Amino acid sequence: MFEDKKENKLIEGEDYYLSPEGYRVFTEKYHLKRGHCCRSGCRHCPYGFDKKTGAIKK
């Protein structure tokens, strides 16, 4: 009756790491897996988003 759903659990060291302050910092691999830019100015953004200009560099 119930479908088996693959859980989308985050994997430390692959999808994110913890900063010295204790924050989760998402990796480039995680961002690519997610498939789009969130326009938050992420440290490892593979889409080239520039938070100062609000534009994605190509």
C-alpha atoms as a PDB file:
ATOM      1  CA  MET A   1       0.000   0.000   0.000  1.00  0.00           C
ATOM      2  CA  PHE A   2       2.664   2.524   0.985  1.00  0.00           C
ATOM      3  CA  GLU A   3       5.317   3.499  -1.519  1.00  0.00           C
ATOM      4  CA  ASP A   4       8.932   3.373  -0.437  1.00  0.00           C
ATOM      5  CA  LYS A   5      10.185   6.944  -0.563  1.00  0.00           C
ATOM      6  CA  LYS A   6      13.888   7.620  -0.678  1.00  0.00           C
ATOM      7  CA  GLU A   7      14.751   9.871   2.233  1.00  0.00           C
ATOM      8  CA  ASN A   8      16.691  12.991   1.305  1.00  0.00           C
ATOM      9  CA  LYS A   9      18.970  13.040   4.312  1.00  0.00           C
ATOM     10  CA  LEU A  10      21.925  15.404   4.364  1.00  0.00           C
ATOM     11  CA  ILE A  11      25.326  13.760   4.617  1.00  0.00           C
ATOM     12  CA  GLU A  12      27.913  15.626   6.662  1.00  0.00           C
ATOM     13  CA  GLY A  13      31.145  16.072   4.705  1.00  0.00           C
ATOM     14  CA  GLU A  14      29.367  15.537   1.383  1.00  0.00           C
ATOM     15  CA  ASP A  15      26.353  17.867   1.427  1.00  0.00           C
ATOM     16  CA  TYR A  16      27.540  20.215   4.161  1.00  0.00           C
ATOM     17  CA  TYR A  17      30.171  20.825   6.804  1.00  0.00           C
ATOM     18  CA  LEU A  18      30.043  22.695  10.092  1.00  0.00           C
ATOM     19  CA  SER A  19      31.748  26.061  10.314  1.00  0.00           C
ATOM     20  CA  PRO A  20      33.829  26.918  13.401  1.00  0.00           C
ATOM     21  CA  GLU A  21      30.802  28.906  14.610  1.00  0.00           C
ATOM     22  CA  GLY A  22      28.581  25.820  14.304  1.00  0.00           C
ATOM     23  CA  TYR A  23      26.645  26.764  11.154  1.00  0.00           C
ATOM     24  CA  ARG A  24      25.887  24.299   8.363  1.00  0.00           C
ATOM     25  CA  VAL A  25      27.695  25.354   5.196  1.00  0.00           C
ATOM     26  CA  PHE A  26      26.308  23.670   2.091  1.00  0.00           C
ATOM     27  CA  THR A  27      28.799  22.347  -0.449  1.00  0.00           C
ATOM     28  CA  GLU A  28      28.827  22.909  -4.200  1.00  0.00           C
ATOM     29  CA  LYS A  29      27.765  19.281  -4.626  1.00  0.00           C
ATOM     30  CA  TYR A  30      24.646  19.888  -2.507  1.00  0.00           C
ATOM     31  CA  HIS A  31      23.712  22.994  -4.495  1.00  0.00           C
ATOM     32  CA  LEU A  32      24.060  21.113  -7.783  1.00  0.00           C
ATOM     33  CA  LYS A  33      21.986  18.240  -6.409  1.00  0.00           C
ATOM     34  CA  ARG A  34      19.262  20.713  -5.408  1.00  0.00           C
ATOM     35  CA  GLY A  35      19.271  22.017  -8.973  1.00  0.00           C
ATOM     36  CA  HIS A  36      18.723  25.761  -8.658  1.00  0.00           C
ATOM     37  CA  CYS A  37      20.141  28.926  -7.146  1.00  0.00           C
ATOM     38  CA  CYS A  38      18.408  30.211  -4.002  1.00  0.00           C
ATOM     39  CA  ARG A  39      19.959  33.698  -4.441  1.00  0.00           C
ATOM     40  CA  SER A  40      21.149  33.834  -0.838  1.00  0.00           C
ATOM     41  CA  GLY A  41      24.820  34.425  -1.598  1.00  0.00           C
ATOM     42  CA  CYS A  42      25.949  30.960  -0.491  1.00  0.00           C
ATOM     43  CA  ARG A  43      29.672  30.454   0.068  1.00  0.00           C
ATOM     44  CA  HIS A  44      29.928  27.566  -2.433  1.00  0.00           C
ATOM     45  CA  CYS A  45      27.344  28.677  -5.027  1.00  0.00           C
ATOM     46  CA  PRO A  46      28.095  26.916  -8.347  1.00  0.00           C
ATOM     47  CA  TYR A  47      25.654  29.188 -10.201  1.00  0.00           C
ATOM     48  CA  GLY A  48      27.758  32.348  -9.880  1.00  0.00           C
ATOM     49  CA  PHE A  49      25.257  34.438  -7.909  1.00  0.00           C
ATOM     50  CA  ASP A  50      26.689  37.790  -6.823  1.00  0.00           C
ATOM     51  CA  LYS A  51      24.891  39.034  -3.710  1.00  0.00           C
ATOM     52  CA  LYS A  52      26.135  42.611  -4.207  1.00  0.00           C
ATOM     53  CA  THR A  53      24.642  42.990  -7.687  1.00  0.00           C
ATOM     54  CA  GLY A  54      21.808  40.452  -7.362  1.00  0.00           C
ATOM     55  CA  ALA A  55      22.795  38.876 -10.668  1.00  0.00           C
ATOM     56  CA  ILE A  56      23.962  35.448 -11.726  1.00  0.00           C
ATOM     57  CA  LYS A  57      27.286  35.543 -13.595  1.00  0.00           C
ATOM     58  CA  LYS A  58      27.420  33.286 -16.622  1.00  0.00           C
END
